[in-house]
Amino acid sequence: MAHVKIEERSSEVLVIQVVAYRVFGSDRDGAEEAMNELSRRRDEGDDFPFEATIEEKIKELPVVEDNSKQLGLLFSMMKNFKVSG
């Protein structure tokens, strides 16, 4: 898979990075970078409701004992998002 610069990632993909960190504790640096990029976009006039979207996506994940099931659901969410745009 080719590396996509953070500036080229869709807001939805950035949200998934934050959700992955919040749910699984994975890639803190990537989540911080994603939040910084989402904030930068907002400062430039983007009206994507990333805070609400993050909370919605977390609520969509059921609380389960087996993290592999949550991970599967997170990957499923990612398939529905575009990679750039």
N, C-alpha and C. Protein backbone atom coordinates (compact mmCIF):
# COMPACT_ATOMS: atom_id res chain seq x y z
N MET A 1 0.83 -1.17 0.00
CA MET A 1 0.00 0.00 0.00
C MET A 1 0.88 1.24 0.00
N ALA A 2 0.59 2.17 -0.87
CA ALA A 2 1.37 3.38 -0.98
C ALA A 2 1.10 4.31 0.21
N HIS A 3 2.12 5.02 0.62
CA HIS A 3 1.95 5.99 1.72
C HIS A 3 1.22 7.21 1.18
N VAL A 4 0.19 7.61 1.87
CA VAL A 4 -0.58 8.79 1.49
C VAL A 4 -0.28 9.87 2.52
N LYS A 5 0.15 11.03 2.04
CA LYS A 5 0.44 12.14 2.94
C LYS A 5 -0.80 12.50 3.72
N ILE A 6 -0.63 12.94 4.94
CA ILE A 6 -1.77 13.25 5.81
C ILE A 6 -2.66 14.32 5.18
N GLU A 7 -2.07 15.25 4.47
CA GLU A 7 -2.85 16.32 3.83
C GLU A 7 -3.77 15.77 2.75
N GLU A 8 -3.45 14.61 2.21
CA GLU A 8 -4.22 14.00 1.13
C GLU A 8 -5.27 13.02 1.63
N ARG A 9 -5.25 12.71 2.91
CA ARG A 9 -6.22 11.78 3.48
C ARG A 9 -7.55 12.48 3.69
N SER A 10 -8.62 11.74 3.49
CA SER A 10 -9.94 12.31 3.73
C SER A 10 -10.14 12.52 5.22
N SER A 11 -11.04 13.42 5.56
CA SER A 11 -11.36 13.66 6.98
C SER A 11 -11.87 12.39 7.63
N GLU A 12 -12.61 11.58 6.88
CA GLU A 12 -13.16 10.34 7.41
C GLU A 12 -12.04 9.37 7.81
N VAL A 13 -11.01 9.29 6.99
CA VAL A 13 -9.88 8.41 7.30
C VAL A 13 -9.14 8.92 8.54
N LEU A 14 -9.01 10.23 8.64
CA LEU A 14 -8.37 10.80 9.82
C LEU A 14 -9.18 10.48 11.08
N VAL A 15 -10.49 10.53 10.96
CA VAL A 15 -11.36 10.18 12.08
C VAL A 15 -11.11 8.73 12.51
N ILE A 16 -10.99 7.82 11.55
CA ILE A 16 -10.76 6.41 11.87
C ILE A 16 -9.43 6.25 12.62
N GLN A 17 -8.41 7.04 12.26
CA GLN A 17 -7.15 6.97 12.99
C GLN A 17 -7.36 7.34 14.46
N VAL A 18 -8.14 8.37 14.70
CA VAL A 18 -8.41 8.81 16.07
C VAL A 18 -9.23 7.76 16.81
N VAL A 19 -10.23 7.21 16.14
CA VAL A 19 -11.07 6.18 16.76
C VAL A 19 -10.22 4.96 17.12
N ALA A 20 -9.34 4.55 16.23
CA ALA A 20 -8.47 3.40 16.52
C ALA A 20 -7.64 3.64 17.77
N TYR A 21 -7.14 4.85 17.91
CA TYR A 21 -6.36 5.16 19.11
C TYR A 21 -7.25 5.16 20.35
N ARG A 22 -8.40 5.81 20.26
CA ARG A 22 -9.28 5.93 21.43
C ARG A 22 -9.80 4.57 21.88
N VAL A 23 -10.05 3.66 20.94
CA VAL A 23 -10.62 2.36 21.29
C VAL A 23 -9.54 1.34 21.64
N PHE A 24 -8.46 1.33 20.86
CA PHE A 24 -7.45 0.28 21.02
C PHE A 24 -6.12 0.77 21.59
N GLY A 25 -5.96 2.08 21.71
CA GLY A 25 -4.69 2.62 22.18
C GLY A 25 -3.58 2.49 21.16
N SER A 26 -3.95 2.39 19.88
CA SER A 26 -2.95 2.18 18.84
C SER A 26 -2.53 3.49 18.19
N ASP A 27 -1.27 3.64 17.92
CA ASP A 27 -0.68 4.74 17.15
C ASP A 27 -1.08 6.12 17.67
N ARG A 28 -0.64 6.40 18.87
CA ARG A 28 -0.95 7.71 19.48
C ARG A 28 -0.44 8.86 18.62
N ASP A 29 0.78 8.73 18.11
CA ASP A 29 1.36 9.80 17.30
C ASP A 29 0.52 10.04 16.04
N GLY A 30 0.07 8.96 15.41
CA GLY A 30 -0.78 9.09 14.22
C GLY A 30 -2.11 9.75 14.54
N ALA A 31 -2.67 9.43 15.72
CA ALA A 31 -3.94 10.03 16.13
C ALA A 31 -3.76 11.52 16.40
N GLU A 32 -2.66 11.88 17.04
CA GLU A 32 -2.38 13.30 17.30
C GLU A 32 -2.20 14.05 15.99
N GLU A 33 -1.48 13.45 15.07
CA GLU A 33 -1.27 14.06 13.76
C GLU A 33 -2.61 14.23 13.04
N ALA A 34 -3.47 13.23 13.14
CA ALA A 34 -4.79 13.30 12.50
C ALA A 34 -5.63 14.42 13.11
N MET A 35 -5.63 14.53 14.43
CA MET A 35 -6.39 15.60 15.09
C MET A 35 -5.84 16.97 14.71
N ASN A 36 -4.53 17.08 14.64
CA ASN A 36 -3.93 18.35 14.23
C ASN A 36 -4.35 18.72 12.81
N GLU A 37 -4.37 17.74 11.92
CA GLU A 37 -4.77 18.00 10.54
C GLU A 37 -6.25 18.38 10.47
N LEU A 38 -7.10 17.69 11.22
CA LEU A 38 -8.53 18.03 11.24
C LEU A 38 -8.74 19.44 11.78
N SER A 39 -7.99 19.80 12.80
CA SER A 39 -8.08 21.16 13.37
C SER A 39 -7.59 22.20 12.37
N ARG A 40 -6.52 21.90 11.68
CA ARG A 40 -5.98 22.82 10.67
C ARG A 40 -7.02 23.05 9.58
N ARG A 41 -7.66 21.98 9.14
CA ARG A 41 -8.69 22.11 8.10
C ARG A 41 -9.84 22.98 8.58
N ARG A 42 -10.23 22.79 9.83
CA ARG A 42 -11.32 23.62 10.38
C ARG A 42 -10.90 25.08 10.38
N ASP A 43 -9.67 25.35 10.79
CA ASP A 43 -9.17 26.72 10.81
C ASP A 43 -9.20 27.35 9.42
N GLU A 44 -9.08 26.50 8.40
CA GLU A 44 -9.09 26.98 7.01
C GLU A 44 -10.50 26.99 6.41
N GLY A 45 -11.52 26.72 7.24
CA GLY A 45 -12.89 26.84 6.77
C GLY A 45 -13.65 25.55 6.53
N ASP A 46 -13.00 24.41 6.72
CA ASP A 46 -13.70 23.13 6.55
C ASP A 46 -14.72 22.97 7.67
N ASP A 47 -15.93 22.58 7.31
CA ASP A 47 -16.97 22.45 8.34
C ASP A 47 -17.29 21.00 8.70
N PHE A 48 -16.37 20.07 8.40
CA PHE A 48 -16.57 18.67 8.75
C PHE A 48 -16.64 18.54 10.28
N PRO A 49 -17.72 17.95 10.81
CA PRO A 49 -17.89 17.84 12.27
C PRO A 49 -17.10 16.67 12.87
N PHE A 50 -15.78 16.81 12.89
CA PHE A 50 -14.95 15.66 13.25
C PHE A 50 -15.13 15.20 14.69
N GLU A 51 -15.35 16.12 15.63
CA GLU A 51 -15.53 15.68 17.02
C GLU A 51 -16.77 14.81 17.15
N ALA A 52 -17.88 15.26 16.57
CA ALA A 52 -19.13 14.49 16.63
C ALA A 52 -18.98 13.17 15.89
N THR A 53 -18.28 13.19 14.76
CA THR A 53 -18.09 11.97 13.97
C THR A 53 -17.26 10.96 14.74
N ILE A 54 -16.23 11.42 15.44
CA ILE A 54 -15.41 10.52 16.26
C ILE A 54 -16.28 9.85 17.32
N GLU A 55 -17.07 10.65 18.01
CA GLU A 55 -17.95 10.09 19.05
C GLU A 55 -18.96 9.12 18.47
N GLU A 56 -19.54 9.43 17.30
CA GLU A 56 -20.51 8.54 16.65
C GLU A 56 -19.87 7.21 16.30
N LYS A 57 -18.67 7.26 15.73
CA LYS A 57 -17.99 6.03 15.33
C LYS A 57 -17.64 5.17 16.54
N ILE A 58 -17.24 5.79 17.63
CA ILE A 58 -16.93 5.03 18.84
C ILE A 58 -18.20 4.36 19.36
N LYS A 59 -19.31 5.08 19.34
CA LYS A 59 -20.58 4.51 19.82
C LYS A 59 -21.07 3.37 18.93
N GLU A 60 -20.69 3.38 17.65
CA GLU A 60 -21.09 2.31 16.74
C GLU A 60 -20.40 0.99 17.07
N LEU A 61 -19.26 1.07 17.74
CA LEU A 61 -18.53 -0.14 18.10
C LEU A 61 -19.11 -0.72 19.38
N PRO A 62 -19.55 -1.96 19.33
CA PRO A 62 -20.08 -2.57 20.55
C PRO A 62 -18.95 -2.83 21.55
N VAL A 63 -19.29 -2.79 22.80
CA VAL A 63 -18.31 -3.12 23.84
C VAL A 63 -18.24 -4.63 23.92
N VAL A 64 -17.07 -5.16 23.61
CA VAL A 64 -16.89 -6.61 23.62
C VAL A 64 -15.60 -6.95 24.36
N GLU A 65 -15.56 -8.16 24.86
CA GLU A 65 -14.36 -8.63 25.56
C GLU A 65 -13.22 -8.89 24.58
N ASP A 66 -13.56 -9.32 23.37
CA ASP A 66 -12.56 -9.73 22.39
C ASP A 66 -12.27 -8.56 21.45
N ASN A 67 -11.11 -7.94 21.61
CA ASN A 67 -10.74 -6.79 20.79
C ASN A 67 -10.67 -7.12 19.31
N SER A 68 -10.44 -8.37 18.95
CA SER A 68 -10.35 -8.72 17.53
C SER A 68 -11.69 -8.48 16.84
N LYS A 69 -12.81 -8.66 17.56
CA LYS A 69 -14.12 -8.37 16.97
C LYS A 69 -14.29 -6.88 16.73
N GLN A 70 -13.86 -6.05 17.68
CA GLN A 70 -13.94 -4.60 17.50
C GLN A 70 -13.04 -4.17 16.36
N LEU A 71 -11.88 -4.78 16.26
CA LEU A 71 -10.96 -4.44 15.19
C LEU A 71 -11.59 -4.75 13.83
N GLY A 72 -12.28 -5.87 13.74
CA GLY A 72 -12.97 -6.23 12.50
C GLY A 72 -14.03 -5.20 12.15
N LEU A 73 -14.76 -4.72 13.14
CA LEU A 73 -15.77 -3.70 12.90
C LEU A 73 -15.13 -2.39 12.47
N LEU A 74 -14.00 -2.05 13.05
CA LEU A 74 -13.30 -0.83 12.67
C LEU A 74 -12.83 -0.92 11.22
N PHE A 75 -12.29 -2.07 10.83
CA PHE A 75 -11.87 -2.25 9.44
C PHE A 75 -13.07 -2.16 8.50
N SER A 76 -14.19 -2.68 8.94
CA SER A 76 -15.41 -2.59 8.15
C SER A 76 -15.81 -1.13 7.93
N MET A 77 -15.70 -0.30 8.98
CA MET A 77 -15.98 1.13 8.85
C MET A 77 -15.06 1.77 7.83
N MET A 78 -13.79 1.38 7.87
CA MET A 78 -12.80 1.98 6.99
C MET A 78 -13.13 1.71 5.53
N LYS A 79 -13.70 0.56 5.23
CA LYS A 79 -14.05 0.23 3.84
C LYS A 79 -15.10 1.20 3.29
N ASN A 80 -15.90 1.79 4.16
CA ASN A 80 -16.95 2.69 3.72
C ASN A 80 -16.48 4.11 3.51
N PHE A 81 -15.24 4.41 3.87
CA PHE A 81 -14.71 5.76 3.73
C PHE A 81 -13.79 5.84 2.52
N LYS A 82 -13.80 6.99 1.87
CA LYS A 82 -12.88 7.21 0.76
C LYS A 82 -11.51 7.57 1.33
N VAL A 83 -10.47 7.27 0.59
CA VAL A 83 -9.11 7.47 1.07
C VAL A 83 -8.67 8.92 0.95
N SER A 84 -9.10 9.61 -0.06
CA SER A 84 -8.70 11.01 -0.21
C SER A 84 -9.87 11.84 -0.67
N GLY A 85 -9.71 13.13 -0.50
CA GLY A 85 -10.78 14.01 -0.98
C GLY A 85 -11.24 14.97 0.04
